[in-house]
Amino acid sequence: MISQILFVIITGIATYFFVKNLGKIRRNILLGKDIDRSDNKPERIKTMMRVAFGQSKMGTKPLPAFLHFIVYAGFILINIEVLEILIDGIFGTHRVLSFLGPVYNFAIGFFEILAFGVLVACIIFLCRRFVIKIGRFQSPELKGFPNKDAAIILTIEIVLMGALLKMNAADQLLQSKNLAHYITAGSFPISSWLFVPIYQNFSTETLIGIERITWWFHILGIFAFMNYLPFSKHFHVILAFPNTYYSNLKAKGNLNNMESVTQEVKLMLDPSATVPEGYEAPMSFGVKDVTDLTWKNLMDAYSCTECGRCTSSCPQNQTGKLLSPRKIMMDTRDRLEEVGRNIDANKGTFIADDKNLHSYISEAELWACNTCNACVEACPININPMEIIVEMRRFKVMEETKAPASLNSMFNNLENNQAPWQFSPMDRANWTQE
């Protein structure tokens, strides 16, 4: 009974802090401007099932795609066994779902194979990042916490899968001793090969100790992992589904019009036009800080797993320019977190801190982008760094009148000559005379 009470208390504390941190992230995302993504629900569901659930965009790199699928499947399916652990912890039972008989035996055996696959996949991922040193994992923006975060996540998953297999090995030997509590149930193809030979000469008391310690370690590790997620790039395991559901369904080359500018131009061109009811003249243009972005842009930032496929696909990055689409998303998330901490520190009110999103992202990065959409196409979960870049450029041009000299020359020509070139509209057809 003491064990059950302790388990319920720990579960309650872990759930409380997880929900609290989820609430902060939700609050931060909703700091963004409203945007309607409620249209065409069938297409949105189809996109989510294809891209997030089916991982259709991972296949461009077959080996990582295969390894990621193993980890992904393990994360989803092994949680069924976690559900059983939760029930056992609350009610003091043992393998409560064993009444399913052959189905249960098959499931436990499959989970063991999957757990071993996850363990091996995570070791390979660690080697790719820190031993082989794949190029896209060596970018400057990953130095410090991002690299540590990746190592922490992979190590936790390896340790948790190891604990699960050790627990099952001890449980299997205890079942063979016909102990009342350890009912005969399950199939253990991996742990019986990996750990049972090590444990088979241990005493009953030692086996019970191993089984209990690894049982507690596994579930406490899951609680710790759950509460680490909101602070980690691995949070994409939760946000990938809503993020793909709310994808932009328009053609990728279709840049968003600024409705406020369009309305102002219409009013200037037609003096007789009536101002729409409730219309307010725009106070600013483009994006200065994260609160000027849409909530979808901010969800993108939290969904980014820092895989670097966007940056490795960026032609400007490949030619040595400063632009890294991954860094754009990481900087957006960092600034949003900073704004969130400011709000928390000031009891729900944001106090200006002499910083904005442009404090994180330089002009050289913004103007390097050629809006080719390669980053958007490459992202496994439809994140759009280019949209943030374009909106920040608009602020630079329309609010600060800052743009490269070549662009300023083009702007002047468009204004004076109605074309990007420096000649009079009256001379536009002169070439026909030749």
Protein backbone atom coordinates (compact mmCIF):
# COMPACT_ATOMS: atom_id res chain seq x y z
CA MET A 1 0.00 0.00 0.00
CA ILE A 2 2.87 2.40 0.80
CA SER A 3 4.34 1.67 -2.63
CA GLN A 4 1.01 2.40 -4.32
CA ILE A 5 0.53 5.70 -2.43
CA LEU A 6 4.08 6.77 -3.28
CA PHE A 7 3.51 5.85 -6.92
CA VAL A 8 0.27 7.89 -7.11
CA ILE A 9 1.97 10.92 -5.51
CA ILE A 10 4.94 10.77 -7.91
CA THR A 11 2.63 10.32 -10.90
CA GLY A 12 0.56 13.32 -9.79
CA ILE A 13 3.63 15.55 -9.32
CA ALA A 14 5.10 14.55 -12.70
CA THR A 15 1.78 15.14 -14.47
CA TYR A 16 1.29 18.51 -12.76
CA PHE A 17 4.64 19.91 -13.87
CA PHE A 18 4.24 18.50 -17.38
CA VAL A 19 0.83 20.11 -17.81
CA LYS A 20 2.14 23.37 -16.32
CA ASN A 21 5.02 23.53 -18.79
CA LEU A 22 2.68 22.63 -21.67
CA GLY A 23 0.52 25.57 -20.59
CA LYS A 24 3.48 27.94 -20.81
CA ILE A 25 4.33 26.76 -24.31
CA ARG A 26 0.70 27.11 -25.38
CA ARG A 27 0.66 30.63 -23.92
CA ASN A 28 3.85 31.52 -25.78
CA ILE A 29 2.53 30.19 -29.10
CA LEU A 30 -0.68 32.19 -28.71
CA LEU A 31 1.35 35.38 -28.33
CA GLY A 32 1.51 35.30 -32.12
CA LYS A 33 -1.00 36.99 -34.40
CA ASP A 34 -4.13 35.12 -35.34
CA ILE A 35 -4.28 33.26 -38.62
CA ASP A 36 -7.11 31.08 -39.93
CA ARG A 37 -6.03 27.51 -40.66
CA SER A 38 -9.43 25.89 -40.20
CA ASP A 39 -10.20 25.43 -43.90
CA ASN A 40 -10.18 22.18 -45.89
CA LYS A 41 -10.14 19.78 -42.94
CA PRO A 42 -10.03 16.59 -45.08
CA GLU A 43 -6.86 17.80 -46.82
CA ARG A 44 -5.33 18.82 -43.49
CA ILE A 45 -6.01 15.41 -41.97
CA LYS A 46 -4.57 13.77 -45.07
CA THR A 47 -1.43 15.93 -44.83
CA MET A 48 -1.00 15.13 -41.14
CA MET A 49 -1.39 11.39 -41.68
CA ARG A 50 0.98 11.39 -44.64
CA VAL A 51 3.72 13.69 -43.30
CA ALA A 52 3.62 13.24 -39.50
CA PHE A 53 2.21 9.75 -39.05
CA GLY A 54 3.51 8.27 -42.30
CA GLN A 55 6.81 10.23 -42.24
CA SER A 56 6.63 10.58 -46.03
CA LYS A 57 9.32 13.29 -46.21
CA MET A 58 11.90 11.30 -44.25
CA GLY A 59 12.60 8.94 -47.16
CA THR A 60 15.03 11.30 -48.89
CA LYS A 61 17.69 9.93 -46.52
CA PRO A 62 16.92 6.17 -46.29
CA LEU A 63 19.18 5.12 -43.39
CA PRO A 64 18.14 7.89 -40.98
CA ALA A 65 14.53 7.35 -42.11
CA PHE A 66 14.67 3.66 -41.21
CA LEU A 67 16.33 4.29 -37.84
CA HIS A 68 13.95 7.13 -37.04
CA PHE A 69 10.97 4.95 -37.87
CA ILE A 70 12.16 2.34 -35.35
CA VAL A 71 12.52 4.98 -32.63
CA TYR A 72 9.18 6.52 -33.61
CA ALA A 73 7.35 3.19 -33.57
CA GLY A 74 8.99 2.34 -30.26
CA PHE A 75 7.86 5.64 -28.74
CA ILE A 76 4.25 5.00 -29.76
CA LEU A 77 3.87 1.25 -29.19
CA ILE A 78 5.99 0.74 -26.07
CA ASN A 79 3.74 3.30 -24.36
CA ILE A 80 1.11 0.53 -24.29
CA GLU A 81 3.37 -1.32 -21.87
CA VAL A 82 3.82 1.92 -19.94
CA LEU A 83 0.03 2.05 -19.58
CA GLU A 84 0.18 -1.39 -17.96
CA ILE A 85 2.95 -0.22 -15.62
CA LEU A 86 0.80 2.75 -14.57
CA ILE A 87 -2.16 0.48 -13.79
CA ASP A 88 0.06 -1.94 -11.88
CA GLY A 89 1.61 0.92 -9.91
CA ILE A 90 -1.74 2.36 -8.86
CA PHE A 91 -3.52 -0.90 -8.00
CA GLY A 92 -0.57 -3.03 -6.87
CA THR A 93 -1.14 -5.64 -9.59
CA HIS A 94 1.43 -7.31 -11.82
CA ARG A 95 1.05 -7.58 -15.60
CA VAL A 96 -2.61 -6.67 -15.32
CA LEU A 97 -3.19 -6.97 -19.09
CA SER A 98 -2.05 -10.61 -19.16
CA PHE A 99 -5.69 -11.73 -19.38
CA LEU A 100 -5.34 -11.06 -23.11
CA GLY A 101 -3.45 -14.36 -23.33
CA PRO A 102 -1.70 -15.06 -26.66
CA VAL A 103 -2.25 -11.46 -27.78
CA TYR A 104 -0.42 -10.24 -24.67
CA ASN A 105 2.44 -12.69 -25.20
CA PHE A 106 2.84 -11.56 -28.79
CA ALA A 107 2.70 -7.88 -27.79
CA ILE A 108 5.36 -8.19 -25.07
CA GLY A 109 7.63 -10.12 -27.44
CA PHE A 110 7.16 -7.50 -30.14
CA PHE A 111 7.82 -4.68 -27.67
CA GLU A 112 11.08 -6.37 -26.66
CA ILE A 113 12.25 -6.57 -30.27
CA LEU A 114 11.22 -2.95 -30.76
CA ALA A 115 12.99 -1.85 -27.56
CA PHE A 116 16.19 -3.50 -28.72
CA GLY A 117 15.80 -1.82 -32.11
CA VAL A 118 15.37 1.57 -30.42
CA LEU A 119 18.47 0.94 -28.31
CA VAL A 120 20.59 0.06 -31.37
CA ALA A 121 19.17 2.96 -33.42
CA CYS A 122 19.99 5.48 -30.67
CA ILE A 123 23.57 4.18 -30.44
CA ILE A 124 23.92 4.63 -34.22
CA PHE A 125 22.48 8.14 -33.98
CA LEU A 126 25.02 9.01 -31.28
CA CYS A 127 27.84 7.68 -33.47
CA ARG A 128 26.61 9.62 -36.50
CA ARG A 129 26.56 12.86 -34.51
CA PHE A 130 29.66 12.55 -32.29
CA VAL A 131 31.95 9.95 -33.92
CA ILE A 132 31.36 10.10 -37.69
CA LYS A 133 30.38 13.78 -37.28
CA ILE A 134 27.86 14.14 -40.11
CA GLY A 135 28.24 17.61 -41.64
CA ARG A 136 24.79 18.98 -40.84
CA PHE A 137 25.37 18.27 -37.12
CA GLN A 138 28.53 20.38 -36.97
CA SER A 139 27.03 23.82 -37.64
CA PRO A 140 27.89 26.66 -35.23
CA GLU A 141 24.29 27.01 -33.99
CA LEU A 142 24.46 23.49 -32.51
CA LYS A 143 27.39 24.20 -30.22
CA GLY A 144 26.60 24.15 -26.50
CA PHE A 145 23.16 23.10 -25.30
CA PRO A 146 21.73 21.85 -28.66
CA ASN A 147 24.44 19.17 -28.93
CA LYS A 148 24.09 18.30 -25.25
CA ASP A 149 20.32 18.11 -25.67
CA ALA A 150 20.67 15.58 -28.49
CA ALA A 151 23.09 13.50 -26.41
CA ILE A 152 20.80 13.63 -23.35
CA ILE A 153 17.75 12.51 -25.33
CA LEU A 154 19.52 9.59 -27.03
CA THR A 155 21.20 8.49 -23.79
CA ILE A 156 17.90 8.56 -21.89
CA GLU A 157 16.25 6.39 -24.54
CA ILE A 158 19.13 3.89 -24.46
CA VAL A 159 19.02 3.69 -20.65
CA LEU A 160 15.21 3.34 -20.56
CA MET A 161 15.19 0.55 -23.13
CA GLY A 162 17.98 -1.22 -21.24
CA ALA A 163 16.02 -0.95 -17.98
CA LEU A 164 12.93 -2.41 -19.67
CA LEU A 165 14.84 -5.43 -20.96
CA LYS A 166 16.54 -5.99 -17.58
CA MET A 167 13.17 -5.82 -15.82
CA ASN A 168 11.69 -8.39 -18.20
CA ALA A 169 14.66 -10.73 -17.75
CA ALA A 170 14.30 -10.72 -13.95
CA ASP A 171 10.52 -11.08 -14.29
CA GLN A 172 10.89 -14.09 -16.57
CA LEU A 173 13.12 -15.93 -14.05
CA LEU A 174 10.74 -15.07 -11.21
CA GLN A 175 7.85 -16.48 -13.24
CA SER A 176 9.75 -19.74 -13.69
CA LYS A 177 9.95 -20.06 -9.89
CA ASN A 178 6.11 -20.08 -9.72
CA LEU A 179 5.95 -17.18 -7.26
CA ALA A 180 2.40 -16.06 -6.55
CA HIS A 181 2.82 -12.42 -7.53
CA TYR A 182 4.81 -13.10 -10.70
CA ILE A 183 2.18 -14.75 -12.86
CA THR A 184 3.29 -16.54 -16.01
CA ALA A 185 2.67 -14.13 -18.88
CA GLY A 186 4.53 -12.57 -21.76
CA SER A 187 7.14 -13.58 -24.28
CA PHE A 188 10.73 -12.38 -23.91
CA PRO A 189 12.81 -13.09 -27.03
CA ILE A 190 15.45 -10.40 -26.38
CA SER A 191 15.85 -10.25 -22.60
CA SER A 192 15.98 -14.07 -22.36
CA TRP A 193 18.97 -13.96 -24.72
CA LEU A 194 20.60 -10.78 -23.44
CA PHE A 195 20.22 -10.80 -19.64
CA VAL A 196 18.73 -14.11 -18.45
CA PRO A 197 22.11 -15.95 -18.77
CA ILE A 198 23.57 -13.31 -16.44
CA TYR A 199 20.74 -13.51 -13.90
CA GLN A 200 19.95 -17.23 -13.86
CA ASN A 201 22.15 -18.07 -10.84
CA PHE A 202 20.89 -15.14 -8.75
CA SER A 203 18.78 -15.77 -5.65
CA THR A 204 15.04 -15.09 -5.58
CA GLU A 205 15.55 -12.06 -3.33
CA THR A 206 18.15 -10.61 -5.70
CA LEU A 207 15.90 -11.14 -8.72
CA ILE A 208 12.99 -9.45 -6.95
CA GLY A 209 15.30 -6.54 -6.11
CA ILE A 210 16.44 -6.24 -9.73
CA GLU A 211 12.88 -6.45 -11.03
CA ARG A 212 11.60 -3.81 -8.57
CA ILE A 213 14.54 -1.45 -9.04
CA THR A 214 14.38 -1.59 -12.84
CA TRP A 215 10.57 -1.28 -12.74
CA TRP A 216 10.81 1.91 -10.67
CA PHE A 217 13.77 3.17 -12.68
CA HIS A 218 11.91 2.68 -15.95
CA ILE A 219 8.75 4.51 -14.90
CA LEU A 220 10.60 7.30 -13.07
CA GLY A 221 12.82 7.70 -16.14
CA ILE A 222 9.73 8.07 -18.29
CA PHE A 223 8.36 10.74 -15.93
CA ALA A 224 11.69 12.59 -16.05
CA PHE A 225 11.82 12.27 -19.85
CA MET A 226 8.25 13.54 -20.10
CA ASN A 227 9.12 16.67 -18.11
CA TYR A 228 12.32 17.24 -20.05
CA LEU A 229 10.47 17.28 -23.37
CA PRO A 230 9.11 20.86 -23.10
CA PHE A 231 12.69 22.15 -22.75
CA SER A 232 14.08 20.01 -25.55
CA LYS A 233 14.12 19.84 -29.34
CA HIS A 234 12.50 16.43 -28.85
CA PHE A 235 9.22 18.22 -28.16
CA HIS A 236 8.49 17.62 -31.84
CA VAL A 237 7.18 14.16 -30.89
CA ILE A 238 4.13 16.00 -29.56
CA LEU A 239 3.89 19.00 -31.89
CA ALA A 240 4.64 17.24 -35.21
CA PHE A 241 0.99 16.21 -35.57
CA PRO A 242 -0.72 19.58 -34.99
CA ASN A 243 2.07 21.36 -36.86
CA THR A 244 1.52 19.32 -40.02
CA TYR A 245 -2.26 19.56 -39.63
CA TYR A 246 -2.01 23.35 -39.72
CA SER A 247 0.37 23.34 -42.72
CA ASN A 248 0.06 26.03 -45.36
CA LEU A 249 -1.93 24.32 -48.13
CA LYS A 250 -1.23 27.02 -50.71
CA ALA A 251 1.43 26.60 -53.39
CA LYS A 252 4.86 27.11 -51.84
CA GLY A 253 5.72 29.91 -54.26
CA ASN A 254 2.66 31.90 -53.21
CA LEU A 255 3.95 34.59 -50.83
CA ASN A 256 1.43 36.07 -48.44
CA ASN A 257 0.09 39.49 -49.36
CA MET A 258 0.09 42.14 -46.63
CA GLU A 259 -3.64 42.79 -46.31
CA SER A 260 -3.05 46.07 -44.49
CA VAL A 261 -0.97 47.39 -47.39
CA THR A 262 -3.47 46.14 -49.97
CA GLN A 263 -6.31 47.90 -48.18
CA GLU A 264 -4.37 51.17 -47.89
CA VAL A 265 -3.51 51.10 -51.62
CA LYS A 266 -7.16 50.47 -52.54
CA LEU A 267 -8.25 53.43 -50.44
CA MET A 268 -5.63 55.70 -52.04
CA LEU A 269 -6.46 54.66 -55.62
CA ASP A 270 -10.21 55.04 -55.20
CA PRO A 271 -11.19 58.24 -53.33
CA SER A 272 -14.83 57.17 -53.41
CA ALA A 273 -14.11 53.83 -51.71
CA THR A 274 -15.71 53.35 -48.32
CA VAL A 275 -13.59 52.29 -45.40
CA PRO A 276 -14.62 48.79 -44.24
CA GLU A 277 -16.43 48.69 -40.92
CA GLY A 278 -14.04 48.20 -38.04
CA TYR A 279 -10.99 48.88 -40.21
CA GLU A 280 -7.97 50.28 -38.41
CA ALA A 281 -5.01 51.77 -40.26
CA PRO A 282 -1.87 49.66 -39.76
CA MET A 283 0.51 50.85 -37.05
CA SER A 284 3.48 48.87 -38.34
CA PHE A 285 4.54 46.59 -41.16
CA GLY A 286 6.40 43.29 -41.16
CA VAL A 287 7.91 41.51 -38.17
CA LYS A 288 9.96 43.27 -35.54
CA ASP A 289 9.57 40.75 -32.73
CA VAL A 290 8.08 37.31 -32.20
CA THR A 291 4.68 38.77 -31.25
CA ASP A 292 4.40 40.10 -34.82
CA LEU A 293 4.65 36.55 -36.20
CA THR A 294 1.60 34.31 -36.49
CA TRP A 295 0.89 31.59 -33.93
CA LYS A 296 1.73 29.06 -36.67
CA ASN A 297 5.21 30.55 -37.09
CA LEU A 298 5.71 30.20 -33.34
CA MET A 299 4.42 26.63 -33.38
CA ASP A 300 6.95 25.95 -36.14
CA ALA A 301 9.71 27.19 -33.84
CA TYR A 302 8.70 24.84 -31.03
CA SER A 303 8.25 21.94 -33.48
CA CYS A 304 11.77 22.18 -34.94
CA THR A 305 13.88 19.12 -34.13
CA GLU A 306 17.10 20.78 -35.34
CA CYS A 307 17.76 17.95 -37.81
CA GLY A 308 19.39 20.40 -40.24
CA ARG A 309 17.78 19.07 -43.41
CA CYS A 310 16.65 22.61 -44.21
CA THR A 311 20.15 24.03 -43.83
CA SER A 312 21.83 21.24 -45.78
CA SER A 313 19.33 21.87 -48.63
CA CYS A 314 19.79 25.66 -48.62
CA PRO A 315 21.81 26.75 -51.71
CA GLN A 316 22.94 29.92 -49.94
CA ASN A 317 24.30 27.94 -47.01
CA GLN A 318 26.02 25.54 -49.39
CA THR A 319 27.88 28.46 -50.98
CA GLY A 320 29.18 29.72 -47.64
CA LYS A 321 26.60 32.41 -46.83
CA LEU A 322 25.67 33.03 -43.19
CA LEU A 323 22.07 31.90 -43.70
CA SER A 324 21.00 28.73 -41.89
CA PRO A 325 17.22 28.12 -41.90
CA ARG A 326 17.67 25.88 -38.84
CA LYS A 327 19.24 28.80 -36.96
CA ILE A 328 16.29 31.02 -37.96
CA MET A 329 13.92 28.60 -36.22
CA MET A 330 16.20 28.14 -33.20
CA ASP A 331 16.61 31.93 -32.81
CA THR A 332 12.84 32.42 -33.06
CA ARG A 333 12.28 29.82 -30.33
CA ASP A 334 15.01 31.33 -28.12
CA ARG A 335 13.54 34.81 -28.41
CA LEU A 336 10.03 33.48 -27.76
CA GLU A 337 11.27 31.70 -24.63
CA GLU A 338 12.92 34.96 -23.53
CA VAL A 339 9.66 36.85 -24.01
CA GLY A 340 7.82 34.14 -22.06
CA ARG A 341 10.24 34.40 -19.13
CA ASN A 342 9.82 38.18 -19.20
CA ILE A 343 6.04 37.78 -18.93
CA ASP A 344 6.39 35.28 -16.07
CA ALA A 345 8.79 37.56 -14.20
CA ASN A 346 6.43 40.53 -14.56
CA LYS A 347 3.23 38.73 -13.50
CA GLY A 348 1.69 38.33 -16.93
CA THR A 349 2.84 41.57 -18.55
CA PHE A 350 5.66 41.96 -21.04
CA ILE A 351 8.09 44.75 -20.16
CA ALA A 352 10.18 46.06 -23.07
CA ASP A 353 13.74 44.74 -22.80
CA ASP A 354 15.46 46.63 -25.64
CA LYS A 355 15.62 43.42 -27.66
CA ASN A 356 13.64 41.95 -30.52
CA LEU A 357 13.92 39.14 -33.05
CA HIS A 358 16.34 41.23 -35.11
CA SER A 359 18.72 41.11 -32.12
CA TYR A 360 19.07 37.38 -32.85
CA ILE A 361 18.96 37.30 -36.66
CA SER A 362 21.33 39.53 -38.63
CA GLU A 363 20.63 41.46 -41.82
CA ALA A 364 23.24 39.34 -43.62
CA GLU A 365 21.18 36.24 -42.84
CA LEU A 366 17.91 37.82 -43.92
CA TRP A 367 19.15 39.15 -47.25
CA ALA A 368 21.06 35.98 -48.13
CA CYS A 369 17.79 34.08 -48.64
CA ASN A 370 16.69 33.76 -52.27
CA THR A 371 13.18 32.52 -51.32
CA CYS A 372 13.61 29.26 -53.23
CA ASN A 373 11.62 27.23 -50.66
CA ALA A 374 14.25 24.48 -50.52
CA CYS A 375 14.15 24.61 -46.71
CA VAL A 376 10.35 24.30 -46.65
CA GLU A 377 10.45 21.37 -49.07
CA ALA A 378 13.14 19.58 -47.05
CA CYS A 379 11.55 19.88 -43.60
CA PRO A 380 10.09 16.55 -42.42
CA ILE A 381 7.20 18.31 -40.65
CA ASN A 382 6.45 21.26 -42.99
CA ILE A 383 8.15 24.03 -41.00
CA ASN A 384 8.48 27.30 -42.95
CA PRO A 385 11.60 29.36 -42.07
CA MET A 386 11.27 31.38 -45.29
CA GLU A 387 8.01 32.98 -44.14
CA ILE A 388 9.74 34.40 -41.07
CA ILE A 389 12.61 35.71 -43.20
CA VAL A 390 10.27 37.45 -45.67
CA GLU A 391 8.26 39.12 -42.90
CA MET A 392 11.42 40.34 -41.16
CA ARG A 393 12.64 41.76 -44.48
CA ARG A 394 9.37 43.63 -44.84
CA PHE A 395 9.99 45.28 -41.48
CA LYS A 396 13.51 46.26 -42.53
CA VAL A 397 12.28 47.84 -45.78
CA MET A 398 8.96 49.38 -44.73
CA GLU A 399 9.76 50.46 -41.18
CA GLU A 400 13.50 51.12 -41.18
CA THR A 401 14.07 51.74 -44.93
CA LYS A 402 17.05 49.40 -44.70
CA ALA A 403 17.85 47.26 -47.72
CA PRO A 404 20.94 46.40 -49.78
CA ALA A 405 21.92 49.10 -52.29
CA SER A 406 21.00 46.90 -55.26
CA LEU A 407 17.47 46.50 -53.93
CA ASN A 408 17.11 50.21 -53.17
CA SER A 409 18.05 50.94 -56.77
CA MET A 410 15.39 48.51 -57.97
CA PHE A 411 12.79 50.05 -55.62
CA ASN A 412 13.55 53.52 -57.01
CA ASN A 413 13.20 52.27 -60.57
CA LEU A 414 9.89 50.57 -59.80
CA GLU A 415 8.59 53.79 -58.24
CA ASN A 416 9.78 56.10 -61.01
CA ASN A 417 9.85 53.89 -64.10
CA GLN A 418 7.30 51.16 -63.25
CA ALA A 419 9.98 48.58 -64.03
CA PRO A 420 13.17 47.35 -62.33
CA TRP A 421 15.35 48.91 -65.05
CA GLN A 422 16.70 52.42 -65.20
CA PHE A 423 15.07 53.78 -68.33
CA SER A 424 11.94 55.78 -69.00
CA PRO A 425 8.65 53.97 -69.67
CA MET A 426 8.46 56.04 -72.86
CA ASP A 427 11.56 54.23 -74.15
CA ARG A 428 10.32 50.76 -73.32
CA ALA A 429 9.40 49.84 -76.93
CA ASN A 430 12.50 51.34 -78.56
CA TRP A 431 13.94 47.90 -79.24
CA THR A 432 11.18 47.31 -81.78
CA GLN A 433 12.70 50.02 -83.98
CA GLU A 434 15.70 47.80 -84.63
